[in-house]
């Protein structure tokens, strides 16, 4: 069994991004990421702190804008507009979830296309389908980067994606198709999940159900990408895959924590740097290789 270690790979990328930011500063460009949160969701604060640490580690500027629970849609959009118009801001993300009275889709689509470093704007989603996106959802992009770093070529594989969210499930399915995999998307209405997963060479599971996928769902030699993050009653973080049950049956697997999560943050850094490069009319090959 091969461990697909996202922490190690993200550290390698951090070194690359640090060098890129140093080069950009020599031409008077400093990438800046702005993260907007609304309310006080504890999990969101954890994720934003991770992004802040990584941004500072590579030498980028970082601004965290905190808005209260009572913030209106108009106030949220006005905040987004402020940074859309700020020439020093390279990338903007709105951290989800938002309070129930706010529209996540309106917030996503308010962000300027060239600053949509989360890749959620409908325009960038359309480019993803066409195979022309520069800014992609960070988790799917991180998954492909991690597979490539381990010399895993998905071309010709039978891949199953469990989950159809706009953040992970659908974009990773589209990207796998562009990488010449044959893809089946399963979800809560799928009649016989095991029928699909037991034939799969590669499974990406992102449903938020602790230990749902055990050894009975897979064949020998399957590659498992576990996107789930679930906290048990004892405080332990686990994925959607029953790691102990499947570990002797899989060819490769991402651990939880330490697999997909660090790659998501790494891709956010990459896309913020890319946004800064594009906004200043520079050539990305000179800075990111």
Protein backbone atom coordinates (compact mmCIF):
# COMPACT_ATOMS: atom_id res chain seq x y z
CA UNK A 1 0.00 0.00 0.00
CA UNK A 2 1.26 3.45 -0.96
CA UNK A 3 0.40 6.40 1.28
CA UNK A 4 -0.46 9.48 -0.78
CA UNK A 5 0.98 11.98 1.67
CA UNK A 6 -0.52 15.42 1.07
CA UNK A 7 1.55 17.03 3.80
CA UNK A 8 4.83 16.05 2.16
CA UNK A 9 3.71 17.08 -1.31
CA UNK A 10 2.33 20.41 -0.08
CA UNK A 11 5.63 21.14 1.64
CA UNK A 12 7.45 20.57 -1.65
CA UNK A 13 5.03 22.97 -3.32
CA UNK A 14 5.44 25.53 -0.53
CA UNK A 15 9.13 25.75 -1.39
CA UNK A 16 8.24 26.32 -5.05
CA UNK A 17 5.67 28.99 -4.17
CA UNK A 18 8.09 30.75 -1.81
CA UNK A 19 10.58 31.05 -4.64
CA UNK A 20 7.86 32.33 -6.98
CA UNK A 21 6.79 35.03 -4.50
CA UNK A 22 10.42 36.09 -4.00
CA UNK A 23 10.79 36.49 -7.78
CA UNK A 24 7.56 38.48 -7.99
CA UNK A 25 8.63 40.85 -5.23
CA UNK A 26 11.73 41.67 -7.26
CA UNK A 27 9.39 43.12 -9.91
CA UNK A 28 7.30 44.92 -7.25
CA UNK A 29 4.45 42.41 -7.18
CA UNK A 30 3.28 40.88 -3.89
CA UNK A 31 0.39 38.39 -4.17
CA UNK A 32 -2.38 39.08 -1.68
CA UNK A 33 -5.18 36.76 -0.59
CA UNK A 34 -8.33 38.10 1.06
CA UNK A 35 -10.61 35.71 2.96
CA UNK A 36 -14.09 36.84 4.03
CA UNK A 37 -15.97 35.04 6.79
CA UNK A 38 -19.50 35.72 8.00
CA UNK A 39 -20.45 34.61 11.49
CA UNK A 40 -18.41 32.48 13.86
CA UNK A 41 -18.42 28.95 12.49
CA UNK A 42 -15.62 27.18 14.43
CA UNK A 43 -14.62 24.89 11.55
CA UNK A 44 -14.35 27.85 9.18
CA UNK A 45 -12.02 29.63 11.57
CA UNK A 46 -9.76 26.56 11.67
CA UNK A 47 -9.60 26.45 7.87
CA UNK A 48 -8.91 30.17 7.55
CA UNK A 49 -6.08 29.98 10.07
CA UNK A 50 -4.52 27.19 7.99
CA UNK A 51 -4.71 29.37 4.89
CA UNK A 52 -3.27 32.33 6.77
CA UNK A 53 -0.29 30.30 8.02
CA UNK A 54 0.44 28.95 4.56
CA UNK A 55 0.12 32.35 2.86
CA UNK A 56 2.50 33.91 5.37
CA UNK A 57 4.90 30.97 4.97
CA UNK A 58 5.30 31.64 1.26
CA UNK A 59 5.61 35.39 1.75
CA UNK A 60 2.21 36.50 0.47
CA UNK A 61 0.07 39.22 2.00
CA UNK A 62 -3.08 37.99 3.74
CA UNK A 63 -6.18 39.79 5.00
CA UNK A 64 -8.99 38.16 6.97
CA UNK A 65 -12.25 40.10 6.91
CA UNK A 66 -14.75 39.01 9.58
CA UNK A 67 -18.39 40.01 9.25
CA UNK A 68 -21.12 39.46 11.83
CA UNK A 69 -23.99 36.97 11.64
CA UNK A 70 -26.43 39.80 10.93
CA UNK A 71 -24.60 40.86 7.75
CA UNK A 72 -27.00 41.33 4.83
CA UNK A 73 -26.48 40.04 1.31
CA UNK A 74 -25.97 43.61 0.14
CA UNK A 75 -23.32 44.24 2.80
CA UNK A 76 -21.50 41.04 1.92
CA UNK A 77 -21.52 41.90 -1.77
CA UNK A 78 -20.32 45.45 -1.04
CA UNK A 79 -17.38 43.95 0.88
CA UNK A 80 -16.56 41.69 -2.06
CA UNK A 81 -16.80 44.67 -4.44
CA UNK A 82 -14.32 46.61 -2.29
CA UNK A 83 -11.66 43.99 -2.89
CA UNK A 84 -12.67 43.43 -6.51
CA UNK A 85 -11.71 47.08 -7.03
CA UNK A 86 -8.51 46.90 -4.95
CA UNK A 87 -5.49 46.60 -7.23
CA UNK A 88 -3.37 45.13 -4.41
CA UNK A 89 -5.75 42.18 -3.91
CA UNK A 90 -4.87 39.19 -6.09
CA UNK A 91 -7.42 36.64 -4.89
CA UNK A 92 -10.67 36.65 -2.93
CA UNK A 93 -12.51 33.79 -1.27
CA UNK A 94 -15.68 33.73 0.79
CA UNK A 95 -15.37 30.98 3.37
CA UNK A 96 -18.41 28.70 3.51
CA UNK A 97 -20.78 27.94 5.11
CA UNK A 98 -22.59 31.25 5.27
CA UNK A 99 -25.54 31.98 7.59
CA UNK A 100 -28.79 30.62 6.17
CA UNK A 101 -30.13 34.03 5.11
CA UNK A 102 -27.23 34.57 2.72
CA UNK A 103 -26.83 33.15 -0.79
CA UNK A 104 -23.58 31.28 -1.33
CA UNK A 105 -24.07 31.23 -5.11
CA UNK A 106 -24.55 35.01 -5.26
CA UNK A 107 -21.43 35.48 -3.15
CA UNK A 108 -19.38 33.17 -5.39
CA UNK A 109 -20.52 34.89 -8.56
CA UNK A 110 -19.87 38.38 -7.16
CA UNK A 111 -16.13 37.77 -7.03
CA UNK A 112 -14.27 39.14 -10.05
CA UNK A 113 -13.42 36.33 -12.44
CA UNK A 114 -9.72 37.17 -12.41
CA UNK A 115 -9.68 37.03 -8.57
CA UNK A 116 -11.75 33.84 -8.21
CA UNK A 117 -8.92 31.75 -6.79
CA UNK A 118 -11.38 29.17 -5.42
CA UNK A 119 -12.58 28.52 -8.98
CA UNK A 120 -16.27 28.62 -8.01
CA UNK A 121 -17.56 31.44 -10.26
CA UNK A 122 -19.94 30.13 -12.92
CA UNK A 123 -17.67 31.53 -15.66
CA UNK A 124 -14.68 29.58 -14.38
CA UNK A 125 -16.90 26.52 -13.88
CA UNK A 126 -17.81 26.78 -17.55
CA UNK A 127 -14.15 26.97 -18.54
CA UNK A 128 -13.52 23.85 -16.45
CA UNK A 129 -16.11 21.94 -18.47
CA UNK A 130 -14.46 23.17 -21.67
CA UNK A 131 -11.04 22.10 -20.40
CA UNK A 132 -9.74 25.68 -20.45
CA UNK A 133 -9.90 26.75 -16.79
CA UNK A 134 -6.93 28.46 -15.13
CA UNK A 135 -8.71 28.71 -11.80
CA UNK A 136 -10.18 25.39 -10.68
CA UNK A 137 -11.78 24.30 -7.40
CA UNK A 138 -8.75 23.72 -5.19
CA UNK A 139 -9.60 20.29 -3.79
CA UNK A 140 -10.00 18.56 -7.17
CA UNK A 141 -6.91 20.33 -8.49
CA UNK A 142 -4.99 19.17 -5.43
CA UNK A 143 -6.11 15.58 -5.92
CA UNK A 144 -4.81 15.51 -9.49
CA UNK A 145 -1.55 17.12 -8.42
CA UNK A 146 -1.07 14.52 -5.68
CA UNK A 147 -1.75 11.64 -8.07
CA UNK A 148 0.68 13.04 -10.63
CA UNK A 149 3.34 13.51 -7.94
CA UNK A 150 3.08 9.77 -7.24
CA UNK A 151 3.25 8.91 -10.97
CA UNK A 152 -0.35 7.67 -11.01
CA UNK A 153 -1.76 8.10 -14.51
CA UNK A 154 -5.57 7.94 -14.47
CA UNK A 155 -5.87 7.56 -18.25
CA UNK A 156 -7.96 4.52 -19.04
CA UNK A 157 -8.95 3.92 -15.42
CA UNK A 158 -12.51 3.23 -14.34
CA UNK A 159 -13.07 5.98 -11.77
CA UNK A 160 -15.99 6.38 -9.38
CA UNK A 161 -16.72 9.71 -7.69
CA UNK A 162 -19.03 9.49 -4.68
CA UNK A 163 -20.63 12.90 -4.19
CA UNK A 164 -21.77 15.52 -6.68
CA UNK A 165 -21.10 18.87 -4.99
CA UNK A 166 -20.00 21.85 -7.05
CA UNK A 167 -16.92 22.13 -4.83
CA UNK A 168 -15.52 18.59 -5.11
CA UNK A 169 -17.66 15.90 -6.75
CA UNK A 170 -18.63 17.45 -10.06
CA UNK A 171 -15.33 19.26 -10.79
CA UNK A 172 -13.16 16.24 -9.99
CA UNK A 173 -15.37 14.11 -12.25
CA UNK A 174 -14.94 16.61 -15.08
CA UNK A 175 -11.19 16.88 -14.53
CA UNK A 176 -10.79 13.09 -14.47
CA UNK A 177 -12.61 12.92 -17.80
CA UNK A 178 -10.20 15.50 -19.21
CA UNK A 179 -7.39 13.22 -18.00
CA UNK A 180 -8.93 10.35 -19.99
CA UNK A 181 -10.48 8.35 -17.15
CA UNK A 182 -13.90 6.72 -17.56
CA UNK A 183 -15.98 8.29 -14.80
CA UNK A 184 -19.13 7.30 -12.93
CA UNK A 185 -20.65 9.79 -10.48
CA UNK A 186 -22.57 8.24 -7.57
CA UNK A 187 -24.66 10.00 -4.95
CA UNK A 188 -27.48 9.55 -2.42
CA UNK A 189 -29.92 8.37 -5.12
CA UNK A 190 -27.58 5.75 -6.58
CA UNK A 191 -29.40 2.40 -6.37
CA UNK A 192 -26.47 0.01 -5.94
CA UNK A 193 -23.30 1.80 -4.90
CA UNK A 194 -21.24 -1.36 -4.52
CA UNK A 195 -22.01 -2.37 -8.11
CA UNK A 196 -20.06 0.69 -9.23
CA UNK A 197 -17.32 0.85 -6.59
CA UNK A 198 -16.37 -2.84 -6.80
CA UNK A 199 -15.39 -2.32 -10.46
CA UNK A 200 -13.44 0.90 -9.90
CA UNK A 201 -9.70 1.34 -10.28
CA UNK A 202 -9.93 4.74 -8.60
CA UNK A 203 -12.50 5.99 -6.09
CA UNK A 204 -12.88 9.58 -4.88
CA UNK A 205 -15.27 9.79 -1.93
CA UNK A 206 -16.54 13.14 -0.64
CA UNK A 207 -19.81 12.73 1.24
CA UNK A 208 -19.06 13.52 4.89
CA UNK A 209 -20.06 10.13 6.30
CA UNK A 210 -17.48 8.70 8.69
CA UNK A 211 -16.08 5.28 7.74
CA UNK A 212 -18.84 4.71 5.18
CA UNK A 213 -16.58 3.00 2.64
CA UNK A 214 -15.16 -0.28 3.95
CA UNK A 215 -13.36 -3.19 2.28
CA UNK A 216 -16.60 -4.70 0.99
CA UNK A 217 -16.99 -1.79 -1.43
CA UNK A 218 -13.69 -2.19 -3.26
CA UNK A 219 -11.65 -4.63 -5.31
CA UNK A 220 -8.01 -5.52 -4.76
CA UNK A 221 -5.64 -2.81 -5.92
CA UNK A 222 -8.05 0.10 -5.82
CA UNK A 223 -6.72 3.64 -5.38
CA UNK A 224 -8.74 5.52 -2.75
CA UNK A 225 -8.92 9.30 -2.44
CA UNK A 226 -10.68 10.23 0.81
CA UNK A 227 -11.92 13.82 0.86
CA UNK A 228 -14.10 13.40 3.96
CA UNK A 229 -13.35 15.15 7.25
CA UNK A 230 -15.50 13.87 10.11
CA UNK A 231 -15.04 14.38 13.85
CA UNK A 232 -16.02 11.45 16.07
CA UNK A 233 -17.47 11.79 19.56
CA UNK A 234 -14.01 11.27 21.03
CA UNK A 235 -12.69 14.20 18.98
CA UNK A 236 -10.74 12.09 16.50
CA UNK A 237 -10.75 13.20 12.86
CA UNK A 238 -11.54 10.46 10.34
CA UNK A 239 -12.43 10.26 6.68
CA UNK A 240 -15.28 8.73 4.72
CA UNK A 241 -13.14 5.60 4.26
CA UNK A 242 -12.64 2.98 6.97
CA UNK A 243 -8.86 3.17 6.71
CA UNK A 244 -8.05 0.18 8.93
CA UNK A 245 -10.52 -2.04 7.09
CA UNK A 246 -9.28 -1.23 3.58
CA UNK A 247 -5.54 -0.71 4.07
CA UNK A 248 -4.55 -4.28 3.17
CA UNK A 249 -6.66 -4.24 0.02
CA UNK A 250 -5.81 -0.93 -1.65
CA UNK A 251 -2.95 -0.01 -3.95
CA UNK A 252 -2.77 3.58 -2.69
CA UNK A 253 -4.73 5.75 -0.27
CA UNK A 254 -4.84 9.27 1.14
CA UNK A 255 -4.75 9.48 4.94
CA UNK A 256 -7.14 11.61 7.00
CA UNK A 257 -5.89 13.98 8.18
CA UNK A 258 -2.84 14.73 6.08
CA UNK A 259 -4.00 13.68 2.64
CA UNK A 260 -6.26 15.89 0.54
CA UNK A 261 -6.60 18.78 3.02
CA UNK A 262 -3.04 20.15 2.74
CA UNK A 263 -3.26 19.89 -1.04
CA UNK A 264 -6.38 22.05 -1.10
CA UNK A 265 -4.56 24.83 0.74
CA UNK A 266 -1.50 24.44 -1.50
CA UNK A 267 -3.59 24.88 -4.64
CA UNK A 268 -5.16 28.02 -3.19
CA UNK A 269 -1.67 29.46 -2.77
CA UNK A 270 -0.76 28.50 -6.35
CA UNK A 271 -3.87 30.08 -7.82
CA UNK A 272 -3.41 33.29 -5.82
CA UNK A 273 0.15 33.57 -7.16
CA UNK A 274 -1.13 32.82 -10.67
CA UNK A 275 -3.81 35.51 -10.28
CA UNK A 276 -1.17 38.08 -9.31
CA UNK A 277 0.95 37.09 -12.31
CA UNK A 278 -1.98 37.39 -14.70
CA UNK A 279 -3.19 40.72 -13.26
CA UNK A 280 0.24 42.24 -13.88
CA UNK A 281 0.59 40.88 -17.39
CA UNK A 282 3.50 38.60 -16.52
CA UNK A 283 4.42 35.16 -17.85
CA UNK A 284 3.61 32.40 -15.35
CA UNK A 285 6.41 30.21 -16.73
CA UNK A 286 8.98 32.66 -15.43
CA UNK A 287 7.69 32.30 -11.86
CA UNK A 288 5.96 28.94 -11.49
CA UNK A 289 7.88 26.95 -14.09
